[in-house]
Amino acid sequence: MLSTTYDNDADALYVTLRIGADAASTHEIDEWTFVDVDLTGAAIGVEVIHPARDWPLHEVLNRYDVSADDQALLEAMFPRLNAGGRISFPRPDQQVQTTTRDLVVR
């Protein structure tokens, strides 16, 4: 089940792809994008610093085994990255909760 956490103070987004999995290593995709992988090399999470910038979502999806459901959800959550655009995040006074079924802004 995919979930996301946004840290407003650090301006960092963490996308959890597999809950409860332990990271064996972290791979740097670019200066501000990192993928945590397990012992088999499967992606378990993605950290994006300054996520309002253009970040390499497709590179992550192409390089790592991400379930089709999670891939579709990520592409739906960040559609402007597909077009090379920028994404926006909620105001600091909003809390965001995501699941594989929906995106809720409170």
PDB file of N, CA and C in Angstrom:
ATOM      1  N   MET A   1       0.839  -1.176   0.000  1.00  0.00           N
ATOM      2  CA  MET A   1       0.000   0.000   0.000  1.00  0.00           C
ATOM      3  C   MET A   1       0.884   1.238   0.000  1.00  0.00           C
ATOM      4  N   LEU A   2       0.684   2.072  -0.952  1.00  0.00           N
ATOM      5  CA  LEU A   2       1.447   3.307  -1.095  1.00  0.00           C
ATOM      6  C   LEU A   2       0.928   4.349  -0.111  1.00  0.00           C
ATOM      7  N   SER A   3       1.849   5.067   0.538  1.00  0.00           N
ATOM      8  CA  SER A   3       1.467   6.193   1.378  1.00  0.00           C
ATOM      9  C   SER A   3       2.521   7.280   1.211  1.00  0.00           C
ATOM     10  N   THR A   4       2.128   8.498   1.508  1.00  0.00           N
ATOM     11  CA  THR A   4       3.063   9.614   1.389  1.00  0.00           C
ATOM     12  C   THR A   4       3.093  10.410   2.678  1.00  0.00           C
ATOM     13  N   THR A   5       4.251  11.011   2.930  1.00  0.00           N
ATOM     14  CA  THR A   5       4.441  11.913   4.056  1.00  0.00           C
ATOM     15  C   THR A   5       5.180  13.125   3.541  1.00  0.00           C
ATOM     16  N   TYR A   6       4.691  14.293   3.885  1.00  0.00           N
ATOM     17  CA  TYR A   6       5.364  15.527   3.493  1.00  0.00           C
ATOM     18  C   TYR A   6       5.802  16.258   4.752  1.00  0.00           C
ATOM     19  N   ASP A   7       7.091  16.595   4.816  1.00  0.00           N
ATOM     20  CA  ASP A   7       7.661  17.356   5.927  1.00  0.00           C
ATOM     21  C   ASP A   7       7.837  18.788   5.457  1.00  0.00           C
ATOM     22  N   ASN A   8       6.971  19.674   5.939  1.00  0.00           N
ATOM     23  CA  ASN A   8       7.001  21.068   5.509  1.00  0.00           C
ATOM     24  C   ASN A   8       8.301  21.760   5.907  1.00  0.00           C
ATOM     25  N   ASP A   9       8.810  21.462   7.105  1.00  0.00           N
ATOM     26  CA  ASP A   9      10.048  22.111   7.563  1.00  0.00           C
ATOM     27  C   ASP A   9      11.242  21.748   6.687  1.00  0.00           C
ATOM     28  N   ALA A  10      11.313  20.498   6.281  1.00  0.00           N
ATOM     29  CA  ALA A  10      12.436  20.033   5.456  1.00  0.00           C
ATOM     30  C   ALA A  10      12.135  20.165   3.965  1.00  0.00           C
ATOM     31  N   ASP A  11      10.889  20.477   3.619  1.00  0.00           N
ATOM     32  CA  ASP A  11      10.430  20.493   2.227  1.00  0.00           C
ATOM     33  C   ASP A  11      10.804  19.174   1.558  1.00  0.00           C
ATOM     34  N   ALA A  12      10.356  18.083   2.203  1.00  0.00           N
ATOM     35  CA  ALA A  12      10.693  16.746   1.727  1.00  0.00           C
ATOM     36  C   ALA A  12       9.447  15.872   1.674  1.00  0.00           C
ATOM     37  N   LEU A  13       9.325  15.148   0.585  1.00  0.00           N
ATOM     38  CA  LEU A  13       8.247  14.200   0.384  1.00  0.00           C
ATOM     39  C   LEU A  13       8.830  12.803   0.489  1.00  0.00           C
ATOM     40  N   TYR A  14       8.159  11.922   1.243  1.00  0.00           N
ATOM     41  CA  TYR A  14       8.575  10.522   1.277  1.00  0.00           C
ATOM     42  C   TYR A  14       7.398   9.682   0.825  1.00  0.00           C
ATOM     43  N   VAL A  15       7.629   8.859  -0.192  1.00  0.00           N
ATOM     44  CA  VAL A  15       6.613   7.955  -0.712  1.00  0.00           C
ATOM     45  C   VAL A  15       6.992   6.552  -0.248  1.00  0.00           C
ATOM     46  N   THR A  16       6.157   5.973   0.602  1.00  0.00           N
ATOM     47  CA  THR A  16       6.381   4.611   1.076  1.00  0.00           C
ATOM     48  C   THR A  16       5.701   3.654   0.114  1.00  0.00           C
ATOM     49  N   LEU A  17       6.482   2.760  -0.465  1.00  0.00           N
ATOM     50  CA  LEU A  17       5.951   1.791  -1.411  1.00  0.00           C
ATOM     51  C   LEU A  17       5.637   0.460  -0.739  1.00  0.00           C
ATOM     52  N   ARG A  18       6.409   0.105   0.286  1.00  0.00           N
ATOM     53  CA  ARG A  18       6.182  -1.140   1.027  1.00  0.00           C
ATOM     54  C   ARG A  18       6.334  -0.855   2.503  1.00  0.00           C
ATOM     55  N   ILE A  19       5.234  -0.894   3.219  1.00  0.00           N
ATOM     56  CA  ILE A  19       5.222  -0.625   4.655  1.00  0.00           C
ATOM     57  C   ILE A  19       5.858  -1.798   5.387  1.00  0.00           C
ATOM     58  N   GLY A  20       6.716  -1.490   6.357  1.00  0.00           N
ATOM     59  CA  GLY A  20       7.334  -2.509   7.180  1.00  0.00           C
ATOM     60  C   GLY A  20       8.602  -3.114   6.609  1.00  0.00           C
ATOM     61  N   ALA A  21       8.960  -2.765   5.395  1.00  0.00           N
ATOM     62  CA  ALA A  21      10.180  -3.300   4.784  1.00  0.00           C
ATOM     63  C   ALA A  21      11.385  -2.503   5.277  1.00  0.00           C
ATOM     64  N   ASP A  22      12.495  -3.181   5.460  1.00  0.00           N
ATOM     65  CA  ASP A  22      13.725  -2.527   5.900  1.00  0.00           C
ATOM     66  C   ASP A  22      14.591  -2.154   4.703  1.00  0.00           C
ATOM     67  N   ALA A  23      15.116  -0.942   4.746  1.00  0.00           N
ATOM     68  CA  ALA A  23      16.006  -0.485   3.677  1.00  0.00           C
ATOM     69  C   ALA A  23      17.396  -1.079   3.864  1.00  0.00           C
ATOM     70  N   ALA A  24      17.900  -1.704   2.816  1.00  0.00           N
ATOM     71  CA  ALA A  24      19.258  -2.243   2.826  1.00  0.00           C
ATOM     72  C   ALA A  24      20.243  -1.202   2.317  1.00  0.00           C
ATOM     73  N   SER A  25      19.767  -0.337   1.403  1.00  0.00           N
ATOM     74  CA  SER A  25      20.614   0.733   0.880  1.00  0.00           C
ATOM     75  C   SER A  25      19.739   1.818   0.273  1.00  0.00           C
ATOM     76  N   THR A  26      20.380   2.936  -0.003  1.00  0.00           N
ATOM     77  CA  THR A  26      19.703   4.066  -0.621  1.00  0.00           C
ATOM     78  C   THR A  26      20.449   4.438  -1.885  1.00  0.00           C
ATOM     79  N   HIS A  27      19.716   4.578  -2.979  1.00  0.00           N
ATOM     80  CA  HIS A  27      20.306   4.932  -4.264  1.00  0.00           C
ATOM     81  C   HIS A  27      19.961   6.372  -4.602  1.00  0.00           C
ATOM     82  N   GLU A  28      20.955   7.130  -5.033  1.00  0.00           N
ATOM     83  CA  GLU A  28      20.750   8.518  -5.443  1.00  0.00           C
ATOM     84  C   GLU A  28      20.383   8.552  -6.920  1.00  0.00           C
ATOM     85  N   ILE A  29      19.215   9.134  -7.212  1.00  0.00           N
ATOM     86  CA  ILE A  29      18.771   9.276  -8.597  1.00  0.00           C
ATOM     87  C   ILE A  29      19.278  10.599  -9.157  1.00  0.00           C
ATOM     88  N   ASP A  30      19.130  11.635  -8.382  1.00  0.00           N
ATOM     89  CA  ASP A  30      19.744  12.928  -8.675  1.00  0.00           C
ATOM     90  C   ASP A  30      20.067  13.572  -7.331  1.00  0.00           C
ATOM     91  N   GLU A  31      20.528  14.772  -7.354  1.00  0.00           N
ATOM     92  CA  GLU A  31      20.988  15.438  -6.131  1.00  0.00           C
ATOM     93  C   GLU A  31      19.924  15.482  -5.038  1.00  0.00           C
ATOM     94  N   TRP A  32      18.652  15.451  -5.404  1.00  0.00           N
ATOM     95  CA  TRP A  32      17.569  15.631  -4.438  1.00  0.00           C
ATOM     96  C   TRP A  32      16.546  14.501  -4.443  1.00  0.00           C
ATOM     97  N   THR A  33      16.824  13.394  -5.118  1.00  0.00           N
ATOM     98  CA  THR A  33      15.884  12.274  -5.200  1.00  0.00           C
ATOM     99  C   THR A  33      16.617  10.985  -4.845  1.00  0.00           C
ATOM    100  N   PHE A  34      16.046  10.237  -3.881  1.00  0.00           N
ATOM    101  CA  PHE A  34      16.692   9.025  -3.375  1.00  0.00           C
ATOM    102  C   PHE A  34      15.679   7.889  -3.302  1.00  0.00           C
ATOM    103  N   VAL A  35      16.137   6.673  -3.592  1.00  0.00           N
ATOM    104  CA  VAL A  35      15.276   5.497  -3.528  1.00  0.00           C
ATOM    105  C   VAL A  35      15.862   4.531  -2.511  1.00  0.00           C
ATOM    106  N   ASP A  36      15.049   4.155  -1.516  1.00  0.00           N
ATOM    107  CA  ASP A  36      15.431   3.119  -0.560  1.00  0.00           C
ATOM    108  C   ASP A  36      15.063   1.774  -1.157  1.00  0.00           C
ATOM    109  N   VAL A  37      15.989   0.814  -1.079  1.00  0.00           N
ATOM    110  CA  VAL A  37      15.742  -0.522  -1.619  1.00  0.00           C
ATOM    111  C   VAL A  37      15.985  -1.573  -0.546  1.00  0.00           C
ATOM    112  N   ASP A  38      15.345  -2.733  -0.698  1.00  0.00           N
ATOM    113  CA  ASP A  38      15.558  -3.838   0.227  1.00  0.00           C
ATOM    114  C   ASP A  38      16.738  -4.686  -0.244  1.00  0.00           C
ATOM    115  N   LEU A  39      16.956  -5.806   0.407  1.00  0.00           N
ATOM    116  CA  LEU A  39      18.092  -6.673   0.062  1.00  0.00           C
ATOM    117  C   LEU A  39      18.016  -7.230  -1.353  1.00  0.00           C
ATOM    118  N   THR A  40      16.812  -7.331  -1.910  1.00  0.00           N
ATOM    119  CA  THR A  40      16.662  -7.853  -3.267  1.00  0.00           C
ATOM    120  C   THR A  40      16.778  -6.754  -4.325  1.00  0.00           C
ATOM    121  N   GLY A  41      16.874  -5.489  -3.891  1.00  0.00           N
ATOM    122  CA  GLY A  41      16.963  -4.375  -4.821  1.00  0.00           C
ATOM    123  C   GLY A  41      15.623  -3.780  -5.199  1.00  0.00           C
ATOM    124  N   ALA A  42      14.548  -4.272  -4.584  1.00  0.00           N
ATOM    125  CA  ALA A  42      13.213  -3.732  -4.855  1.00  0.00           C
ATOM    126  C   ALA A  42      13.025  -2.410  -4.111  1.00  0.00           C
ATOM    127  N   ALA A  43      12.417  -1.449  -4.768  1.00  0.00           N
ATOM    128  CA  ALA A  43      12.174  -0.145  -4.158  1.00  0.00           C
ATOM    129  C   ALA A  43      11.155  -0.273  -3.040  1.00  0.00           C
ATOM    130  N   ILE A  44      11.474   0.328  -1.892  1.00  0.00           N
ATOM    131  CA  ILE A  44      10.520   0.333  -0.783  1.00  0.00           C
ATOM    132  C   ILE A  44      10.084   1.750  -0.433  1.00  0.00           C
ATOM    133  N   GLY A  45      10.806   2.755  -0.933  1.00  0.00           N
ATOM    134  CA  GLY A  45      10.429   4.130  -0.665  1.00  0.00           C
ATOM    135  C   GLY A  45      11.240   5.100  -1.509  1.00  0.00           C
ATOM    136  N   VAL A  46      10.656   6.279  -1.713  1.00  0.00           N
ATOM    137  CA  VAL A  46      11.306   7.327  -2.499  1.00  0.00           C
ATOM    138  C   VAL A  46      11.255   8.618  -1.692  1.00  0.00           C
ATOM    139  N   GLU A  47      12.411   9.249  -1.534  1.00  0.00           N
ATOM    140  CA  GLU A  47      12.478  10.549  -0.863  1.00  0.00           C
ATOM    141  C   GLU A  47      12.801  11.615  -1.902  1.00  0.00           C
ATOM    142  N   VAL A  48      11.999  12.679  -1.892  1.00  0.00           N
ATOM    143  CA  VAL A  48      12.192  13.769  -2.836  1.00  0.00           C
ATOM    144  C   VAL A  48      12.321  15.058  -2.043  1.00  0.00           C
ATOM    145  N   ILE A  49      13.503  15.653  -2.084  1.00  0.00           N
ATOM    146  CA  ILE A  49      13.742  16.944  -1.443  1.00  0.00           C
ATOM    147  C   ILE A  49      13.316  18.032  -2.428  1.00  0.00           C
ATOM    148  N   HIS A  50      12.623  19.041  -1.941  1.00  0.00           N
ATOM    149  CA  HIS A  50      12.081  20.111  -2.790  1.00  0.00           C
ATOM    150  C   HIS A  50      11.196  19.511  -3.898  1.00  0.00           C
ATOM    151  N   PRO A  51      10.127  18.834  -3.516  1.00  0.00           N
ATOM    152  CA  PRO A  51       9.329  18.108  -4.505  1.00  0.00           C
ATOM    153  C   PRO A  51       8.537  18.966  -5.481  1.00  0.00           C
ATOM    154  N   ALA A  52       8.486  20.281  -5.284  1.00  0.00           N
ATOM    155  CA  ALA A  52       7.780  21.134  -6.243  1.00  0.00           C
ATOM    156  C   ALA A  52       8.578  21.303  -7.531  1.00  0.00           C
ATOM    157  N   ARG A  53       9.831  20.879  -7.521  1.00  0.00           N
ATOM    158  CA  ARG A  53      10.665  20.952  -8.722  1.00  0.00           C
ATOM    159  C   ARG A  53      10.336  19.782  -9.641  1.00  0.00           C
ATOM    160  N   ASP A  54      10.880  19.816 -10.826  1.00  0.00           N
ATOM    161  CA  ASP A  54      10.771  18.671 -11.715  1.00  0.00           C
ATOM    162  C   ASP A  54      11.684  17.580 -11.174  1.00  0.00           C
ATOM    163  N   TRP A  55      11.119  16.464 -10.771  1.00  0.00           N
ATOM    164  CA  TRP A  55      11.942  15.360 -10.273  1.00  0.00           C
ATOM    165  C   TRP A  55      11.682  14.125 -11.125  1.00  0.00           C
ATOM    166  N   PRO A  56      12.649  13.225 -11.183  1.00  0.00           N
ATOM    167  CA  PRO A  56      12.638  12.137 -12.171  1.00  0.00           C
ATOM    168  C   PRO A  56      11.763  10.937 -11.796  1.00  0.00           C
ATOM    169  N   LEU A  57      10.467  11.150 -11.731  1.00  0.00           N
ATOM    170  CA  LEU A  57       9.542  10.062 -11.416  1.00  0.00           C
ATOM    171  C   LEU A  57       9.691   8.905 -12.398  1.00  0.00           C
ATOM    172  N   HIS A  58       9.734   9.211 -13.686  1.00  0.00           N
ATOM    173  CA  HIS A  58       9.817   8.130 -14.672  1.00  0.00           C
ATOM    174  C   HIS A  58      11.118   7.345 -14.561  1.00  0.00           C
ATOM    175  N   GLU A  59      12.191   7.996 -14.215  1.00  0.00           N
ATOM    176  CA  GLU A  59      13.448   7.260 -14.027  1.00  0.00           C
ATOM    177  C   GLU A  59      13.322   6.282 -12.870  1.00  0.00           C
ATOM    178  N   VAL A  60      12.687   6.724 -11.787  1.00  0.00           N
ATOM    179  CA  VAL A  60      12.463   5.831 -10.647  1.00  0.00           C
ATOM    180  C   VAL A  60      11.616   4.642 -11.085  1.00  0.00           C
ATOM    181  N   LEU A  61      10.516   4.918 -11.785  1.00  0.00           N
ATOM    182  CA  LEU A  61       9.614   3.841 -12.205  1.00  0.00           C
ATOM    183  C   LEU A  61      10.271   2.903 -13.213  1.00  0.00           C
ATOM    184  N   ASN A  62      11.158   3.418 -14.040  1.00  0.00           N
ATOM    185  CA  ASN A  62      11.837   2.580 -15.035  1.00  0.00           C
ATOM    186  C   ASN A  62      12.960   1.745 -14.434  1.00  0.00           C
ATOM    187  N   ARG A  63      13.631   2.273 -13.418  1.00  0.00           N
ATOM    188  CA  ARG A  63      14.790   1.583 -12.844  1.00  0.00           C
ATOM    189  C   ARG A  63      14.442   0.568 -11.773  1.00  0.00           C
ATOM    190  N   TYR A  64      13.274   0.736 -11.128  1.00  0.00           N
ATOM    191  CA  TYR A  64      12.955  -0.096  -9.967  1.00  0.00           C
ATOM    192  C   TYR A  64      11.622  -0.808 -10.156  1.00  0.00           C
ATOM    193  N   ASP A  65      11.520  -1.956  -9.495  1.00  0.00           N
ATOM    194  CA  ASP A  65      10.295  -2.740  -9.542  1.00  0.00           C
ATOM    195  C   ASP A  65       9.251  -2.073  -8.643  1.00  0.00           C
ATOM    196  N   VAL A  66       8.271  -1.446  -9.273  1.00  0.00           N
ATOM    197  CA  VAL A  66       7.166  -0.802  -8.568  1.00  0.00           C
ATOM    198  C   VAL A  66       5.899  -1.440  -9.116  1.00  0.00           C
ATOM    199  N   SER A  67       5.004  -1.855  -8.221  1.00  0.00           N
ATOM    200  CA  SER A  67       3.790  -2.537  -8.682  1.00  0.00           C
ATOM    201  C   SER A  67       3.025  -1.660  -9.669  1.00  0.00           C
ATOM    202  N   ALA A  68       2.287  -2.307 -10.548  1.00  0.00           N
ATOM    203  CA  ALA A  68       1.505  -1.579 -11.558  1.00  0.00           C
ATOM    204  C   ALA A  68       0.504  -0.641 -10.897  1.00  0.00           C
ATOM    205  N   ASP A  69      -0.120  -1.088  -9.798  1.00  0.00           N
ATOM    206  CA  ASP A  69      -1.079  -0.234  -9.089  1.00  0.00           C
ATOM    207  C   ASP A  69      -0.400   1.005  -8.522  1.00  0.00           C
ATOM    208  N   ASP A  70       0.759   0.816  -7.879  1.00  0.00           N
ATOM    209  CA  ASP A  70       1.482   1.959  -7.313  1.00  0.00           C
ATOM    210  C   ASP A  70       2.003   2.878  -8.410  1.00  0.00           C
ATOM    211  N   GLN A  71       2.463   2.297  -9.506  1.00  0.00           N
ATOM    212  CA  GLN A  71       2.934   3.116 -10.624  1.00  0.00           C
ATOM    213  C   GLN A  71       1.802   3.979 -11.162  1.00  0.00           C
ATOM    214  N   ALA A  72       0.639   3.382 -11.367  1.00  0.00           N
ATOM    215  CA  ALA A  72      -0.512   4.133 -11.870  1.00  0.00           C
ATOM    216  C   ALA A  72      -0.916   5.229 -10.900  1.00  0.00           C
ATOM    217  N   LEU A  73      -0.887   4.933  -9.604  1.00  0.00           N
ATOM    218  CA  LEU A  73      -1.240   5.937  -8.605  1.00  0.00           C
ATOM    219  C   LEU A  73      -0.237   7.078  -8.592  1.00  0.00           C
ATOM    220  N   LEU A  74       1.046   6.769  -8.650  1.00  0.00           N
ATOM    221  CA  LEU A  74       2.069   7.818  -8.674  1.00  0.00           C
ATOM    222  C   LEU A  74       1.922   8.701  -9.906  1.00  0.00           C
ATOM    223  N   GLU A  75       1.675   8.092 -11.041  1.00  0.00           N
ATOM    224  CA  GLU A  75       1.494   8.878 -12.257  1.00  0.00           C
ATOM    225  C   GLU A  75       0.244   9.746 -12.177  1.00  0.00           C
ATOM    226  N   ALA A  76      -0.794   9.246 -11.515  1.00  0.00           N
ATOM    227  CA  ALA A  76      -2.014  10.043 -11.331  1.00  0.00           C
ATOM    228  C   ALA A  76      -1.804  11.165 -10.314  1.00  0.00           C
ATOM    229  N   MET A  77      -1.015  10.897  -9.280  1.00  0.00           N
ATOM    230  CA  MET A  77      -0.752  11.910  -8.252  1.00  0.00           C
ATOM    231  C   MET A  77       0.128  13.036  -8.779  1.00  0.00           C
ATOM    232  N   PHE A  78       1.028  12.713  -9.696  1.00  0.00           N
ATOM    233  CA  PHE A  78       1.997  13.680 -10.204  1.00  0.00           C
ATOM    234  C   PHE A  78       1.922  13.766 -11.726  1.00  0.00           C
ATOM    235  N   PRO A  79       0.755  14.078 -12.284  1.00  0.00           N
ATOM    236  CA  PRO A  79       0.604  14.059 -13.745  1.00  0.00           C
ATOM    237  C   PRO A  79       1.450  15.094 -14.460  1.00  0.00           C
ATOM    238  N   ARG A  80       1.720  16.209 -13.823  1.00  0.00           N
ATOM    239  CA  ARG A  80       2.501  17.250 -14.500  1.00  0.00           C
ATOM    240  C   ARG A  80       3.952  16.829 -14.676  1.00  0.00           C
ATOM    241  N   LEU A  81       4.432  15.887 -13.871  1.00  0.00           N
ATOM    242  CA  LEU A  81       5.794  15.385 -14.078  1.00  0.00           C
ATOM    243  C   LEU A  81       5.874  14.622 -15.395  1.00  0.00           C
ATOM    244  N   ASN A  82       4.774  14.004 -15.788  1.00  0.00           N
ATOM    245  CA  ASN A  82       4.748  13.288 -17.068  1.00  0.00           C
ATOM    246  C   ASN A  82       4.945  14.246 -18.223  1.00  0.00           C
ATOM    247  N   ALA A  83       4.472  15.486 -18.057  1.00  0.00           N
ATOM    248  CA  ALA A  83       4.576  16.483 -19.124  1.00  0.00           C
ATOM    249  C   ALA A  83       5.778  17.406 -18.920  1.00  0.00           C
ATOM    250  N   GLY A  84       6.607  17.099 -17.920  1.00  0.00           N
ATOM    251  CA  GLY A  84       7.778  17.927 -17.662  1.00  0.00           C
ATOM    252  C   GLY A  84       7.448  19.211 -16.917  1.00  0.00           C
ATOM    253  N   GLY A  85       6.249  19.287 -16.359  1.00  0.00           N
ATOM    254  CA  GLY A  85       5.856  20.487 -15.624  1.00  0.00           C
ATOM    255  C   GLY A  85       6.210  20.390 -14.155  1.00  0.00           C
ATOM    256  N   ARG A  86       5.699  21.331 -13.400  1.00  0.00           N
ATOM    257  CA  ARG A  86       5.960  21.362 -11.969  1.00  0.00           C
ATOM    258  C   ARG A  86       4.716  20.920 -11.227  1.00  0.00           C
ATOM    259  N   ILE A  87       4.925  20.402 -10.022  1.00  0.00           N
ATOM    260  CA  ILE A  87       3.800  20.021  -9.189  1.00  0.00           C
ATOM    261  C   ILE A  87       3.695  20.998  -8.036  1.00  0.00           C
ATOM    262  N   SER A  88       2.539  21.050  -7.444  1.00  0.00           N
ATOM    263  CA  SER A  88       2.368  21.922  -6.295  1.00  0.00           C
ATOM    264  C   SER A  88       1.894  21.100  -5.110  1.00  0.00           C
ATOM    265  N   PHE A  89       2.204  21.582  -3.942  1.00  0.00           N
ATOM    266  CA  PHE A  89       1.826  20.902  -2.717  1.00  0.00           C
ATOM    267  C   PHE A  89       0.899  21.789  -1.918  1.00  0.00           C
ATOM    268  N   PRO A  90       0.180  21.203  -0.977  1.00  0.00           N
ATOM    269  CA  PRO A  90      -0.765  21.981  -0.185  1.00  0.00           C
ATOM    270  C   PRO A  90      -0.074  23.053   0.644  1.00  0.00           C
ATOM    271  N   ARG A  91      -0.882  24.002   1.075  1.00  0.00           N
ATOM    272  CA  ARG A  91      -0.368  25.029   1.975  1.00  0.00           C
ATOM    273  C   ARG A  91       0.098  24.365   3.262  1.00  0.00           C
ATOM    274  N   PRO A  92       0.994  25.015   4.019  1.00  0.00           N
ATOM    275  CA  PRO A  92       1.496  24.413   5.254  1.00  0.00           C
ATOM    276  C   PRO A  92       0.408  24.076   6.270  1.00  0.00           C
ATOM    277  N   ASP A  93      -0.742  24.754   6.210  1.00  0.00           N
ATOM    278  CA  ASP A  93      -1.796  24.474   7.180  1.00  0.00           C
ATOM    279  C   ASP A  93      -2.703  23.317   6.744  1.00  0.00           C
ATOM    280  N   GLN A  94      -2.391  22.663   5.625  1.00  0.00           N
ATOM    281  CA  GLN A  94      -3.163  21.521   5.161  1.00  0.00           C
ATOM    282  C   GLN A  94      -2.403  20.244   5.435  1.00  0.00           C
ATOM    283  N   GLN A  95      -3.146  19.200   5.748  1.00  0.00           N
ATOM    284  CA  GLN A  95      -2.556  17.887   5.950  1.00  0.00           C
ATOM    285  C   GLN A  95      -2.973  17.008   4.786  1.00  0.00           C
ATOM    286  N   VAL A  96      -2.038  16.245   4.257  1.00  0.00           N
ATOM    287  CA  VAL A  96      -2.340  15.383   3.125  1.00  0.00           C
ATOM    288  C   VAL A  96      -2.194  13.943   3.557  1.00  0.00           C
ATOM    289  N   GLN A  97      -3.172  13.139   3.196  1.00  0.00           N
ATOM    290  CA  GLN A  97      -3.122  11.709   3.465  1.00  0.00           C
ATOM    291  C   GLN A  97      -3.434  11.011   2.156  1.00  0.00           C
ATOM    292  N   THR A  98      -2.622  10.034   1.779  1.00  0.00           N
ATOM    293  CA  THR A  98      -2.901   9.307   0.551  1.00  0.00           C
ATOM    294  C   THR A  98      -2.926   7.818   0.822  1.00  0.00           C
ATOM    295  N   THR A  99      -3.703   7.130   0.050  1.00  0.00           N
ATOM    296  CA  THR A  99      -3.727   5.676   0.048  1.00  0.00           C
ATOM    297  C   THR A  99      -3.742   5.257  -1.409  1.00  0.00           C
ATOM    298  N   THR A 100      -3.768   3.954  -1.645  1.00  0.00           N
ATOM    299  CA  THR A 100      -3.808   3.496  -3.023  1.00  0.00           C
ATOM    300  C   THR A 100      -5.158   3.770  -3.673  1.00  0.00           C
ATOM    301  N   ARG A 101      -6.124   4.178  -2.895  1.00  0.00           N
ATOM    302  CA  ARG A 101      -7.457   4.420  -3.432  1.00  0.00           C
ATOM    303  C   ARG A 101      -7.780   5.898  -3.642  1.00  0.00           C
ATOM    304  N   ASP A 102      -7.146   6.789  -2.873  1.00  0.00           N
ATOM    305  CA  ASP A 102      -7.549   8.192  -2.998  1.00  0.00           C
ATOM    306  C   ASP A 102      -6.484   9.142  -2.487  1.00  0.00           C
ATOM    307  N   LEU A 103      -6.702  10.391  -2.780  1.00  0.00           N
ATOM    308  CA  LEU A 103      -5.867  11.466  -2.276  1.00  0.00           C
ATOM    309  C   LEU A 103      -6.805  12.431  -1.584  1.00  0.00           C
ATOM    310  N   VAL A 104      -6.564  12.647  -0.287  1.00  0.00           N
ATOM    311  CA  VAL A 104      -7.459  13.483   0.502  1.00  0.00           C
ATOM    312  C   VAL A 104      -6.668  14.678   1.018  1.00  0.00           C
ATOM    313  N   VAL A 105      -7.175  15.880   0.813  1.00  0.00           N
ATOM    314  CA  VAL A 105      -6.565  17.078   1.373  1.00  0.00           C
ATOM    315  C   VAL A 105      -7.492  17.589   2.446  1.00  0.00           C
ATOM    316  N   ARG A 106      -6.966  17.764   3.651  1.00  0.00           N
ATOM    317  CA  ARG A 106      -7.793  18.245   4.768  1.00  0.00           C
ATOM    318  C   ARG A 106      -7.363  19.634   5.164  1.00  0.00           C
TER     319      ARG A 106
END
